[in-house]
């Protein structure tokens, strides 16, 4: 089984203490200007996706919809997580690069870059 490079980088960020996990902490990191990247599970509710899409567009933080709740949770050592924020610029650029290369696009600032 091939290890997912995006989830591996998220795990590294967690071990470095550069992850804000969960809806409340993610929202707080974005509003405080600490978040460099937000990742929301593809399984998150439409309301949650819209909330983070709009908030990240307003605060100009890249947001991507990636993985399942269980995959995101496992990457950071939790049962499941619907959202997380990366608060390190270097790690967020690496994760963003991996997501974009995997799916040839993605969501950033609420816009679909692949179209």
PDB file of N, CA and C in Angstrom:
ATOM      1  N   UNK A   1       0.837  -1.173   0.000  1.00  0.00           N
ATOM      2  CA  UNK A   1       0.000   0.000   0.000  1.00  0.00           C
ATOM      3  C   UNK A   1       0.887   1.243   0.000  1.00  0.00           C
ATOM      4  N   UNK A   2       0.633   2.160  -0.916  1.00  0.00           N
ATOM      5  CA  UNK A   2       1.420   3.375  -1.031  1.00  0.00           C
ATOM      6  C   UNK A   2       0.917   4.416  -0.032  1.00  0.00           C
ATOM      7  N   UNK A   3       1.819   5.000   0.684  1.00  0.00           N
ATOM      8  CA  UNK A   3       1.476   6.019   1.687  1.00  0.00           C
ATOM      9  C   UNK A   3       1.151   7.338   0.988  1.00  0.00           C
ATOM     10  N   UNK A   4       0.103   7.985   1.431  1.00  0.00           N
ATOM     11  CA  UNK A   4      -0.333   9.259   0.864  1.00  0.00           C
ATOM     12  C   UNK A   4       0.618  10.364   1.325  1.00  0.00           C
ATOM     13  N   UNK A   5       1.278  11.028   0.382  1.00  0.00           N
ATOM     14  CA  UNK A   5       2.277  12.045   0.726  1.00  0.00           C
ATOM     15  C   UNK A   5       1.655  13.258   1.421  1.00  0.00           C
ATOM     16  N   UNK A   6       0.426  13.604   1.062  1.00  0.00           N
ATOM     17  CA  UNK A   6      -0.248  14.735   1.708  1.00  0.00           C
ATOM     18  C   UNK A   6      -0.490  14.416   3.178  1.00  0.00           C
ATOM     19  N   UNK A   7      -1.015  13.232   3.454  1.00  0.00           N
ATOM     20  CA  UNK A   7      -1.286  12.841   4.834  1.00  0.00           C
ATOM     21  C   UNK A   7       0.001  12.686   5.635  1.00  0.00           C
ATOM     22  N   UNK A   8       1.073  12.247   4.975  1.00  0.00           N
ATOM     23  CA  UNK A   8       2.372  12.143   5.641  1.00  0.00           C
ATOM     24  C   UNK A   8       2.880  13.520   6.056  1.00  0.00           C
ATOM     25  N   UNK A   9       2.745  14.494   5.168  1.00  0.00           N
ATOM     26  CA  UNK A   9       3.172  15.859   5.488  1.00  0.00           C
ATOM     27  C   UNK A   9       2.316  16.468   6.602  1.00  0.00           C
ATOM     28  N   UNK A  10       1.026  16.144   6.607  1.00  0.00           N
ATOM     29  CA  UNK A  10       0.157  16.613   7.687  1.00  0.00           C
ATOM     30  C   UNK A  10       0.618  16.017   9.015  1.00  0.00           C
ATOM     31  N   UNK A  11       0.998  14.739   9.003  1.00  0.00           N
ATOM     32  CA  UNK A  11       1.520  14.085  10.207  1.00  0.00           C
ATOM     33  C   UNK A  11       2.799  14.739  10.699  1.00  0.00           C
ATOM     34  N   UNK A  12       3.680  15.105   9.778  1.00  0.00           N
ATOM     35  CA  UNK A  12       4.928  15.784  10.143  1.00  0.00           C
ATOM     36  C   UNK A  12       4.607  17.144  10.771  1.00  0.00           C
ATOM     37  N   UNK A  13       3.655  17.867  10.165  1.00  0.00           N
ATOM     38  CA  UNK A  13       3.258  19.166  10.708  1.00  0.00           C
ATOM     39  C   UNK A  13       2.689  19.019  12.117  1.00  0.00           C
ATOM     40  N   UNK A  14       1.919  17.967  12.354  1.00  0.00           N
ATOM     41  CA  UNK A  14       1.343  17.716  13.677  1.00  0.00           C
ATOM     42  C   UNK A  14       2.451  17.455  14.696  1.00  0.00           C
ATOM     43  N   UNK A  15       3.423  16.628  14.322  1.00  0.00           N
ATOM     44  CA  UNK A  15       4.529  16.319  15.234  1.00  0.00           C
ATOM     45  C   UNK A  15       5.362  17.560  15.537  1.00  0.00           C
ATOM     46  N   UNK A  16       5.406  18.489  14.590  1.00  0.00           N
ATOM     47  CA  UNK A  16       6.136  19.741  14.787  1.00  0.00           C
ATOM     48  C   UNK A  16       5.316  20.767  15.560  1.00  0.00           C
ATOM     49  N   UNK A  17       4.054  20.428  15.855  1.00  0.00           N
ATOM     50  CA  UNK A  17       3.189  21.342  16.594  1.00  0.00           C
ATOM     51  C   UNK A  17       2.649  22.480  15.748  1.00  0.00           C
ATOM     52  N   UNK A  18       2.529  22.256  14.449  1.00  0.00           N
ATOM     53  CA  UNK A  18       2.115  23.303  13.515  1.00  0.00           C
ATOM     54  C   UNK A  18       0.725  23.062  12.935  1.00  0.00           C
ATOM     55  N   UNK A  19      -0.125  22.334  13.663  1.00  0.00           N
ATOM     56  CA  UNK A  19      -1.489  22.036  13.207  1.00  0.00           C
ATOM     57  C   UNK A  19      -2.495  22.537  14.242  1.00  0.00           C
ATOM     58  N   UNK A  20      -3.534  23.194  13.760  1.00  0.00           N
ATOM     59  CA  UNK A  20      -4.706  23.517  14.583  1.00  0.00           C
ATOM     60  C   UNK A  20      -5.818  22.621  14.058  1.00  0.00           C
ATOM     61  N   UNK A  21      -6.261  21.658  14.868  1.00  0.00           N
ATOM     62  CA  UNK A  21      -7.217  20.652  14.392  1.00  0.00           C
ATOM     63  C   UNK A  21      -8.586  20.866  15.014  1.00  0.00           C
ATOM     64  N   UNK A  22      -9.610  20.567  14.234  1.00  0.00           N
ATOM     65  CA  UNK A  22     -10.972  20.719  14.692  1.00  0.00           C
ATOM     66  C   UNK A  22     -11.546  22.043  14.218  1.00  0.00           C
ATOM     67  N   UNK A  23     -12.855  22.098  14.144  1.00  0.00           N
ATOM     68  CA  UNK A  23     -13.521  23.265  13.575  1.00  0.00           C
ATOM     69  C   UNK A  23     -13.221  24.553  14.352  1.00  0.00           C
ATOM     70  N   UNK A  24     -13.310  24.510  15.678  1.00  0.00           N
ATOM     71  CA  UNK A  24     -13.099  25.709  16.481  1.00  0.00           C
ATOM     72  C   UNK A  24     -11.660  26.211  16.376  1.00  0.00           C
ATOM     73  N   UNK A  25     -10.689  25.317  16.540  1.00  0.00           N
ATOM     74  CA  UNK A  25      -9.284  25.718  16.483  1.00  0.00           C
ATOM     75  C   UNK A  25      -8.887  26.191  15.093  1.00  0.00           C
ATOM     76  N   UNK A  26      -9.442  25.549  14.059  1.00  0.00           N
ATOM     77  CA  UNK A  26      -9.161  25.973  12.693  1.00  0.00           C
ATOM     78  C   UNK A  26      -9.691  27.376  12.456  1.00  0.00           C
ATOM     79  N   UNK A  27     -10.928  27.612  12.874  1.00  0.00           N
ATOM     80  CA  UNK A  27     -11.536  28.933  12.722  1.00  0.00           C
ATOM     81  C   UNK A  27     -10.727  29.989  13.473  1.00  0.00           C
ATOM     82  N   UNK A  28     -10.307  29.675  14.684  1.00  0.00           N
ATOM     83  CA  UNK A  28      -9.523  30.614  15.485  1.00  0.00           C
ATOM     84  C   UNK A  28      -8.184  30.931  14.810  1.00  0.00           C
ATOM     85  N   UNK A  29      -7.505  29.917  14.265  1.00  0.00           N
ATOM     86  CA  UNK A  29      -6.216  30.130  13.597  1.00  0.00           C
ATOM     87  C   UNK A  29      -6.368  31.023  12.368  1.00  0.00           C
ATOM     88  N   UNK A  30      -7.440  30.827  11.614  1.00  0.00           N
ATOM     89  CA  UNK A  30      -7.679  31.645  10.421  1.00  0.00           C
ATOM     90  C   UNK A  30      -7.941  33.092  10.828  1.00  0.00           C
ATOM     91  N   UNK A  31      -8.834  33.290  11.784  1.00  0.00           N
ATOM     92  CA  UNK A  31      -9.207  34.646  12.195  1.00  0.00           C
ATOM     93  C   UNK A  31      -8.067  35.373  12.893  1.00  0.00           C
ATOM     94  N   UNK A  32      -7.173  34.631  13.548  1.00  0.00           N
ATOM     95  CA  UNK A  32      -6.027  35.236  14.222  1.00  0.00           C
ATOM     96  C   UNK A  32      -4.880  35.526  13.256  1.00  0.00           C
ATOM     97  N   UNK A  33      -5.023  35.081  12.009  1.00  0.00           N
ATOM     98  CA  UNK A  33      -3.984  35.319  11.020  1.00  0.00           C
ATOM     99  C   UNK A  33      -2.822  34.350  11.104  1.00  0.00           C
ATOM    100  N   UNK A  34      -2.980  33.262  11.839  1.00  0.00           N
ATOM    101  CA  UNK A  34      -1.907  32.284  12.007  1.00  0.00           C
ATOM    102  C   UNK A  34      -1.925  31.194  10.945  1.00  0.00           C
ATOM    103  N   UNK A  35      -3.086  30.905  10.382  1.00  0.00           N
ATOM    104  CA  UNK A  35      -3.217  29.798   9.420  1.00  0.00           C
ATOM    105  C   UNK A  35      -2.602  30.160   8.076  1.00  0.00           C
ATOM    106  N   UNK A  36      -1.798  29.240   7.546  1.00  0.00           N
ATOM    107  CA  UNK A  36      -1.215  29.404   6.214  1.00  0.00           C
ATOM    108  C   UNK A  36      -1.961  28.565   5.185  1.00  0.00           C
ATOM    109  N   UNK A  37      -2.691  27.550   5.664  1.00  0.00           N
ATOM    110  CA  UNK A  37      -3.422  26.635   4.797  1.00  0.00           C
ATOM    111  C   UNK A  37      -4.515  25.965   5.613  1.00  0.00           C
ATOM    112  N   UNK A  38      -5.684  25.798   5.014  1.00  0.00           N
ATOM    113  CA  UNK A  38      -6.785  25.089   5.668  1.00  0.00           C
ATOM    114  C   UNK A  38      -7.150  23.888   4.803  1.00  0.00           C
ATOM    115  N   UNK A  39      -7.322  22.744   5.449  1.00  0.00           N
ATOM    116  CA  UNK A  39      -7.753  21.531   4.764  1.00  0.00           C
ATOM    117  C   UNK A  39      -9.049  21.076   5.410  1.00  0.00           C
ATOM    118  N   UNK A  40     -10.068  20.892   4.587  1.00  0.00           N
ATOM    119  CA  UNK A  40     -11.379  20.437   5.047  1.00  0.00           C
ATOM    120  C   UNK A  40     -11.658  19.090   4.384  1.00  0.00           C
ATOM    121  N   UNK A  41     -12.169  18.161   5.142  1.00  0.00           N
ATOM    122  CA  UNK A  41     -12.498  16.844   4.607  1.00  0.00           C
ATOM    123  C   UNK A  41     -13.550  16.944   3.508  1.00  0.00           C
ATOM    124  N   UNK A  42     -13.416  16.080   2.515  1.00  0.00           N
ATOM    125  CA  UNK A  42     -14.424  16.014   1.454  1.00  0.00           C
ATOM    126  C   UNK A  42     -15.754  15.511   2.006  1.00  0.00           C
ATOM    127  N   UNK A  43     -15.732  14.832   3.144  1.00  0.00           N
ATOM    128  CA  UNK A  43     -16.949  14.313   3.769  1.00  0.00           C
ATOM    129  C   UNK A  43     -17.648  15.336   4.664  1.00  0.00           C
ATOM    130  N   UNK A  44     -17.036  16.492   4.864  1.00  0.00           N
ATOM    131  CA  UNK A  44     -17.636  17.516   5.725  1.00  0.00           C
ATOM    132  C   UNK A  44     -18.980  17.953   5.146  1.00  0.00           C
ATOM    133  N   UNK A  45     -19.844  18.436   6.011  1.00  0.00           N
ATOM    134  CA  UNK A  45     -21.160  18.883   5.556  1.00  0.00           C
ATOM    135  C   UNK A  45     -21.008  20.091   4.634  1.00  0.00           C
ATOM    136  N   UNK A  46     -22.010  20.307   3.803  1.00  0.00           N
ATOM    137  CA  UNK A  46     -21.975  21.448   2.885  1.00  0.00           C
ATOM    138  C   UNK A  46     -21.902  22.763   3.654  1.00  0.00           C
ATOM    139  N   UNK A  47     -22.551  22.806   4.815  1.00  0.00           N
ATOM    140  CA  UNK A  47     -22.510  24.005   5.649  1.00  0.00           C
ATOM    141  C   UNK A  47     -21.079  24.296   6.121  1.00  0.00           C
ATOM    142  N   UNK A  48     -20.373  23.259   6.562  1.00  0.00           N
ATOM    143  CA  UNK A  48     -18.992  23.407   7.014  1.00  0.00           C
ATOM    144  C   UNK A  48     -18.093  23.825   5.859  1.00  0.00           C
ATOM    145  N   UNK A  49     -18.277  23.189   4.708  1.00  0.00           N
ATOM    146  CA  UNK A  49     -17.473  23.551   3.538  1.00  0.00           C
ATOM    147  C   UNK A  49     -17.686  25.003   3.149  1.00  0.00           C
ATOM    148  N   UNK A  50     -18.946  25.439   3.148  1.00  0.00           N
ATOM    149  CA  UNK A  50     -19.266  26.819   2.787  1.00  0.00           C
ATOM    150  C   UNK A  50     -18.668  27.795   3.800  1.00  0.00           C
ATOM    151  N   UNK A  51     -18.786  27.443   5.077  1.00  0.00           N
ATOM    152  CA  UNK A  51     -18.248  28.291   6.145  1.00  0.00           C
ATOM    153  C   UNK A  51     -16.755  28.536   5.945  1.00  0.00           C
ATOM    154  N   UNK A  52     -15.995  27.454   5.727  1.00  0.00           N
ATOM    155  CA  UNK A  52     -14.554  27.600   5.567  1.00  0.00           C
ATOM    156  C   UNK A  52     -14.188  28.224   4.224  1.00  0.00           C
ATOM    157  N   UNK A  53     -14.935  27.916   3.187  1.00  0.00           N
ATOM    158  CA  UNK A  53     -14.677  28.522   1.871  1.00  0.00           C
ATOM    159  C   UNK A  53     -14.809  30.044   1.967  1.00  0.00           C
ATOM    160  N   UNK A  54     -15.894  30.514   2.574  1.00  0.00           N
ATOM    161  CA  UNK A  54     -16.134  31.949   2.706  1.00  0.00           C
ATOM    162  C   UNK A  54     -15.132  32.621   3.655  1.00  0.00           C
ATOM    163  N   UNK A  55     -14.880  31.986   4.792  1.00  0.00           N
ATOM    164  CA  UNK A  55     -13.948  32.555   5.759  1.00  0.00           C
ATOM    165  C   UNK A  55     -12.537  32.656   5.179  1.00  0.00           C
ATOM    166  N   UNK A  56     -12.105  31.611   4.498  1.00  0.00           N
ATOM    167  CA  UNK A  56     -10.760  31.615   3.934  1.00  0.00           C
ATOM    168  C   UNK A  56     -10.636  32.605   2.776  1.00  0.00           C
ATOM    169  N   UNK A  57     -11.694  32.778   2.030  1.00  0.00           N
ATOM    170  CA  UNK A  57     -11.674  33.784   0.970  1.00  0.00           C
ATOM    171  C   UNK A  57     -11.535  35.175   1.583  1.00  0.00           C
ATOM    172  N   UNK A  58     -12.261  35.437   2.657  1.00  0.00           N
ATOM    173  CA  UNK A  58     -12.214  36.743   3.318  1.00  0.00           C
ATOM    174  C   UNK A  58     -10.833  37.015   3.905  1.00  0.00           C
ATOM    175  N   UNK A  59     -10.250  36.029   4.580  1.00  0.00           N
ATOM    176  CA  UNK A  59      -8.952  36.198   5.227  1.00  0.00           C
ATOM    177  C   UNK A  59      -7.777  35.850   4.303  1.00  0.00           C
ATOM    178  N   UNK A  60      -8.071  35.506   3.064  1.00  0.00           N
ATOM    179  CA  UNK A  60      -7.071  35.175   2.038  1.00  0.00           C
ATOM    180  C   UNK A  60      -6.128  34.051   2.476  1.00  0.00           C
ATOM    181  N   UNK A  61      -6.747  32.965   2.925  1.00  0.00           N
ATOM    182  CA  UNK A  61      -6.019  31.755   3.308  1.00  0.00           C
ATOM    183  C   UNK A  61      -6.423  30.659   2.330  1.00  0.00           C
ATOM    184  N   UNK A  62      -5.460  29.975   1.716  1.00  0.00           N
ATOM    185  CA  UNK A  62      -5.813  28.886   0.798  1.00  0.00           C
ATOM    186  C   UNK A  62      -6.583  27.778   1.527  1.00  0.00           C
ATOM    187  N   UNK A  63      -7.632  27.271   0.894  1.00  0.00           N
ATOM    188  CA  UNK A  63      -8.413  26.178   1.475  1.00  0.00           C
ATOM    189  C   UNK A  63      -8.539  25.075   0.432  1.00  0.00           C
ATOM    190  N   UNK A  64      -8.347  23.844   0.871  1.00  0.00           N
ATOM    191  CA  UNK A  64      -8.473  22.682  -0.004  1.00  0.00           C
ATOM    192  C   UNK A  64      -9.390  21.673   0.653  1.00  0.00           C
ATOM    193  N   UNK A  65     -10.124  20.942  -0.165  1.00  0.00           N
ATOM    194  CA  UNK A  65     -11.000  19.879   0.310  1.00  0.00           C
ATOM    195  C   UNK A  65     -10.326  18.565  -0.067  1.00  0.00           C
ATOM    196  N   UNK A  66      -9.898  17.816   0.969  1.00  0.00           N
ATOM    197  CA  UNK A  66      -9.064  16.650   0.712  1.00  0.00           C
ATOM    198  C   UNK A  66      -9.331  15.558   1.733  1.00  0.00           C
ATOM    199  N   UNK A  67      -9.406  14.334   1.273  1.00  0.00           N
ATOM    200  CA  UNK A  67      -9.475  13.165   2.140  1.00  0.00           C
ATOM    201  C   UNK A  67     -10.775  13.016   2.912  1.00  0.00           C
ATOM    202  N   UNK A  68     -10.832  11.932   3.665  1.00  0.00           N
ATOM    203  CA  UNK A  68     -11.992  11.655   4.506  1.00  0.00           C
ATOM    204  C   UNK A  68     -11.711  12.146   5.926  1.00  0.00           C
ATOM    205  N   UNK A  69     -12.745  12.191   6.741  1.00  0.00           N
ATOM    206  CA  UNK A  69     -12.571  12.597   8.133  1.00  0.00           C
ATOM    207  C   UNK A  69     -11.631  11.635   8.867  1.00  0.00           C
ATOM    208  N   UNK A  70     -11.773  10.355   8.584  1.00  0.00           N
ATOM    209  CA  UNK A  70     -10.945   9.344   9.242  1.00  0.00           C
ATOM    210  C   UNK A  70      -9.487   9.488   8.803  1.00  0.00           C
ATOM    211  N   UNK A  71      -9.252   9.721   7.503  1.00  0.00           N
ATOM    212  CA  UNK A  71      -7.879   9.883   7.003  1.00  0.00           C
ATOM    213  C   UNK A  71      -7.200  11.105   7.626  1.00  0.00           C
ATOM    214  N   UNK A  72      -7.914  12.232   7.677  1.00  0.00           N
ATOM    215  CA  UNK A  72      -7.332  13.436   8.279  1.00  0.00           C
ATOM    216  C   UNK A  72      -7.063  13.218   9.765  1.00  0.00           C
ATOM    217  N   UNK A  73      -8.004  12.572  10.444  1.00  0.00           N
ATOM    218  CA  UNK A  73      -7.815  12.288  11.860  1.00  0.00           C
ATOM    219  C   UNK A  73      -6.636  11.365  12.111  1.00  0.00           C
ATOM    220  N   UNK A  74      -6.539  10.308  11.322  1.00  0.00           N
ATOM    221  CA  UNK A  74      -5.437   9.352  11.485  1.00  0.00           C
ATOM    222  C   UNK A  74      -4.084  10.015  11.231  1.00  0.00           C
ATOM    223  N   UNK A  75      -4.033  10.945  10.304  1.00  0.00           N
ATOM    224  CA  UNK A  75      -2.783  11.631   9.982  1.00  0.00           C
ATOM    225  C   UNK A  75      -2.264  12.447  11.160  1.00  0.00           C
ATOM    226  N   UNK A  76      -3.172  12.913  12.021  1.00  0.00           N
ATOM    227  CA  UNK A  76      -2.752  13.718  13.173  1.00  0.00           C
ATOM    228  C   UNK A  76      -2.928  12.985  14.502  1.00  0.00           C
ATOM    229  N   UNK A  77      -3.227  11.685  14.428  1.00  0.00           N
ATOM    230  CA  UNK A  77      -3.311  10.876  15.632  1.00  0.00           C
ATOM    231  C   UNK A  77      -4.618  10.982  16.385  1.00  0.00           C
ATOM    232  N   UNK A  78      -5.690  11.321  15.691  1.00  0.00           N
ATOM    233  CA  UNK A  78      -7.020  11.409  16.308  1.00  0.00           C
ATOM    234  C   UNK A  78      -7.964  10.435  15.616  1.00  0.00           C
ATOM    235  N   UNK A  79      -9.165  10.293  16.180  1.00  0.00           N
ATOM    236  CA  UNK A  79     -10.137   9.382  15.589  1.00  0.00           C
ATOM    237  C   UNK A  79     -10.616   9.903  14.237  1.00  0.00           C
ATOM    238  N   UNK A  80     -11.075  11.149  14.208  1.00  0.00           N
ATOM    239  CA  UNK A  80     -11.468  11.779  12.947  1.00  0.00           C
ATOM    240  C   UNK A  80     -11.462  13.289  13.110  1.00  0.00           C
ATOM    241  N   UNK A  81     -11.252  13.987  12.011  1.00  0.00           N
ATOM    242  CA  UNK A  81     -11.273  15.447  11.982  1.00  0.00           C
ATOM    243  C   UNK A  81     -11.855  15.901  10.653  1.00  0.00           C
ATOM    244  N   UNK A  82     -12.743  16.889  10.702  1.00  0.00           N
ATOM    245  CA  UNK A  82     -13.350  17.428   9.487  1.00  0.00           C
ATOM    246  C   UNK A  82     -12.550  18.600   8.938  1.00  0.00           C
ATOM    247  N   UNK A  83     -11.759  19.262   9.798  1.00  0.00           N
ATOM    248  CA  UNK A  83     -10.987  20.408   9.333  1.00  0.00           C
ATOM    249  C   UNK A  83      -9.724  20.564  10.155  1.00  0.00           C
ATOM    250  N   UNK A  84      -8.724  21.156   9.520  1.00  0.00           N
ATOM    251  CA  UNK A  84      -7.485  21.478  10.209  1.00  0.00           C
ATOM    252  C   UNK A  84      -6.802  22.631   9.498  1.00  0.00           C
ATOM    253  N   UNK A  85      -5.965  23.342  10.248  1.00  0.00           N
ATOM    254  CA  UNK A  85      -5.201  24.450   9.692  1.00  0.00           C
ATOM    255  C   UNK A  85      -3.721  24.187   9.925  1.00  0.00           C
ATOM    256  N   UNK A  86      -2.910  24.493   8.930  1.00  0.00           N
ATOM    257  CA  UNK A  86      -1.462  24.403   9.053  1.00  0.00           C
ATOM    258  C   UNK A  86      -0.975  25.814   9.349  1.00  0.00           C
ATOM    259  N   UNK A  87      -0.208  25.974  10.439  1.00  0.00           N
ATOM    260  CA  UNK A  87       0.218  27.308  10.863  1.00  0.00           C
ATOM    261  C   UNK A  87       1.693  27.579  10.570  1.00  0.00           C
ATOM    262  N   UNK A  88       2.303  26.771   9.728  1.00  0.00           N
ATOM    263  CA  UNK A  88       3.687  26.975   9.317  1.00  0.00           C
ATOM    264  C   UNK A  88       3.721  27.209   7.812  1.00  0.00           C
ATOM    265  N   UNK A  89       4.328  28.306   7.393  1.00  0.00           N
ATOM    266  CA  UNK A  89       4.337  28.697   5.978  1.00  0.00           C
ATOM    267  C   UNK A  89       5.023  27.654   5.096  1.00  0.00           C
ATOM    268  N   UNK A  90       6.186  27.168   5.515  1.00  0.00           N
ATOM    269  CA  UNK A  90       6.937  26.200   4.711  1.00  0.00           C
ATOM    270  C   UNK A  90       6.198  24.879   4.535  1.00  0.00           C
ATOM    271  N   UNK A  91       5.679  24.346   5.639  1.00  0.00           N
ATOM    272  CA  UNK A  91       4.918  23.096   5.568  1.00  0.00           C
ATOM    273  C   UNK A  91       3.652  23.263   4.750  1.00  0.00           C
ATOM    274  N   UNK A  92       2.995  24.409   4.880  1.00  0.00           N
ATOM    275  CA  UNK A  92       1.761  24.618   4.132  1.00  0.00           C
ATOM    276  C   UNK A  92       2.033  24.675   2.630  1.00  0.00           C
ATOM    277  N   UNK A  93       3.144  25.271   2.229  1.00  0.00           N
ATOM    278  CA  UNK A  93       3.504  25.318   0.800  1.00  0.00           C
ATOM    279  C   UNK A  93       3.767  23.909   0.274  1.00  0.00           C
ATOM    280  N   UNK A  94       4.445  23.084   1.071  1.00  0.00           N
ATOM    281  CA  UNK A  94       4.725  21.703   0.663  1.00  0.00           C
ATOM    282  C   UNK A  94       3.442  20.893   0.523  1.00  0.00           C
ATOM    283  N   UNK A  95       2.545  21.037   1.482  1.00  0.00           N
ATOM    284  CA  UNK A  95       1.273  20.311   1.446  1.00  0.00           C
ATOM    285  C   UNK A  95       0.435  20.781   0.261  1.00  0.00           C
ATOM    286  N   UNK A  96       0.366  22.082   0.069  1.00  0.00           N
ATOM    287  CA  UNK A  96      -0.399  22.645  -1.045  1.00  0.00           C
ATOM    288  C   UNK A  96       0.136  22.136  -2.388  1.00  0.00           C
ATOM    289  N   UNK A  97       1.444  22.103  -2.514  1.00  0.00           N
ATOM    290  CA  UNK A  97       2.075  21.613  -3.749  1.00  0.00           C
ATOM    291  C   UNK A  97       1.703  20.150  -4.017  1.00  0.00           C
ATOM    292  N   UNK A  98       1.695  19.336  -2.974  1.00  0.00           N
ATOM    293  CA  UNK A  98       1.339  17.923  -3.118  1.00  0.00           C
ATOM    294  C   UNK A  98      -0.131  17.749  -3.508  1.00  0.00           C
ATOM    295  N   UNK A  99      -1.011  18.528  -2.888  1.00  0.00           N
ATOM    296  CA  UNK A  99      -2.438  18.425  -3.208  1.00  0.00           C
ATOM    297  C   UNK A  99      -2.683  18.822  -4.652  1.00  0.00           C
ATOM    298  N   UNK A 100      -2.090  19.929  -5.074  1.00  0.00           N
ATOM    299  CA  UNK A 100      -2.281  20.415  -6.444  1.00  0.00           C
ATOM    300  C   UNK A 100      -1.727  19.413  -7.454  1.00  0.00           C
ATOM    301  N   UNK A 101      -0.577  18.829  -7.168  1.00  0.00           N
ATOM    302  CA  UNK A 101       0.004  17.860  -8.106  1.00  0.00           C
ATOM    303  C   UNK A 101      -0.802  16.564  -8.165  1.00  0.00           C
ATOM    304  N   UNK A 102      -1.438  16.183  -7.064  1.00  0.00           N
ATOM    305  CA  UNK A 102      -2.248  14.956  -7.035  1.00  0.00           C
ATOM    306  C   UNK A 102      -3.524  15.088  -7.852  1.00  0.00           C
ATOM    307  N   UNK A 103      -4.159  16.232  -7.749  1.00  0.00           N
ATOM    308  CA  UNK A 103      -5.466  16.347  -8.396  1.00  0.00           C
ATOM    309  C   UNK A 103      -5.491  17.366  -9.521  1.00  0.00           C
ATOM    310  N   UNK A 104      -4.322  17.905  -9.888  1.00  0.00           N
ATOM    311  CA  UNK A 104      -4.233  18.856 -11.000  1.00  0.00           C
ATOM    312  C   UNK A 104      -5.170  20.033 -10.782  1.00  0.00           C
ATOM    313  N   UNK A 105      -5.099  20.596  -9.621  1.00  0.00           N
ATOM    314  CA  UNK A 105      -5.941  21.739  -9.287  1.00  0.00           C
ATOM    315  C   UNK A 105      -6.410  21.629  -7.867  1.00  0.00           C
ATOM    316  N   UNK A 106      -7.429  22.353  -7.518  1.00  0.00           N
ATOM    317  CA  UNK A 106      -7.968  22.309  -6.169  1.00  0.00           C
ATOM    318  C   UNK A 106      -8.713  23.588  -5.889  1.00  0.00           C
ATOM    319  N   UNK A 107      -9.131  23.739  -4.678  1.00  0.00           N
ATOM    320  CA  UNK A 107      -9.856  24.949  -4.287  1.00  0.00           C
ATOM    321  C   UNK A 107      -8.925  25.848  -3.507  1.00  0.00           C
ATOM    322  N   UNK A 108      -8.891  27.103  -3.901  1.00  0.00           N
ATOM    323  CA  UNK A 108      -8.119  28.102  -3.185  1.00  0.00           C
ATOM    324  C   UNK A 108      -8.911  29.388  -3.208  1.00  0.00           C
ATOM    325  N   UNK A 109      -9.076  29.996  -2.067  1.00  0.00           N
ATOM    326  CA  UNK A 109      -9.864  31.223  -1.925  1.00  0.00           C
ATOM    327  C   UNK A 109     -11.272  31.051  -2.477  1.00  0.00           C
ATOM    328  N   UNK A 110     -11.816  29.844  -2.425  1.00  0.00           N
ATOM    329  CA  UNK A 110     -13.179  29.608  -2.856  1.00  0.00           C
ATOM    330  C   UNK A 110     -13.355  29.442  -4.351  1.00  0.00           C
ATOM    331  N   UNK A 111     -12.267  29.445  -5.098  1.00  0.00           N
ATOM    332  CA  UNK A 111     -12.349  29.298  -6.554  1.00  0.00           C
ATOM    333  C   UNK A 111     -11.755  27.967  -6.974  1.00  0.00           C
ATOM    334  N   UNK A 112     -12.333  27.352  -7.969  1.00  0.00           N
ATOM    335  CA  UNK A 112     -11.789  26.103  -8.498  1.00  0.00           C
ATOM    336  C   UNK A 112     -10.712  26.469  -9.515  1.00  0.00           C
ATOM    337  N   UNK A 113      -9.442  26.213  -9.167  1.00  0.00           N
ATOM    338  CA  UNK A 113      -8.326  26.605 -10.009  1.00  0.00           C
ATOM    339  C   UNK A 113      -8.158  25.727 -11.246  1.00  0.00           C
ATOM    340  N   UNK A 114      -8.776  24.556 -11.232  1.00  0.00           N
ATOM    341  CA  UNK A 114      -8.586  23.639 -12.356  1.00  0.00           C
ATOM    342  C   UNK A 114      -9.486  23.959 -13.536  1.00  0.00           C
ATOM    343  N   UNK A 115     -10.420  24.892 -13.385  1.00  0.00           N
ATOM    344  CA  UNK A 115     -11.284  25.241 -14.510  1.00  0.00           C
ATOM    345  C   UNK A 115     -11.003  26.621 -15.036  1.00  0.00           C
TER     346      UNK A 115
END
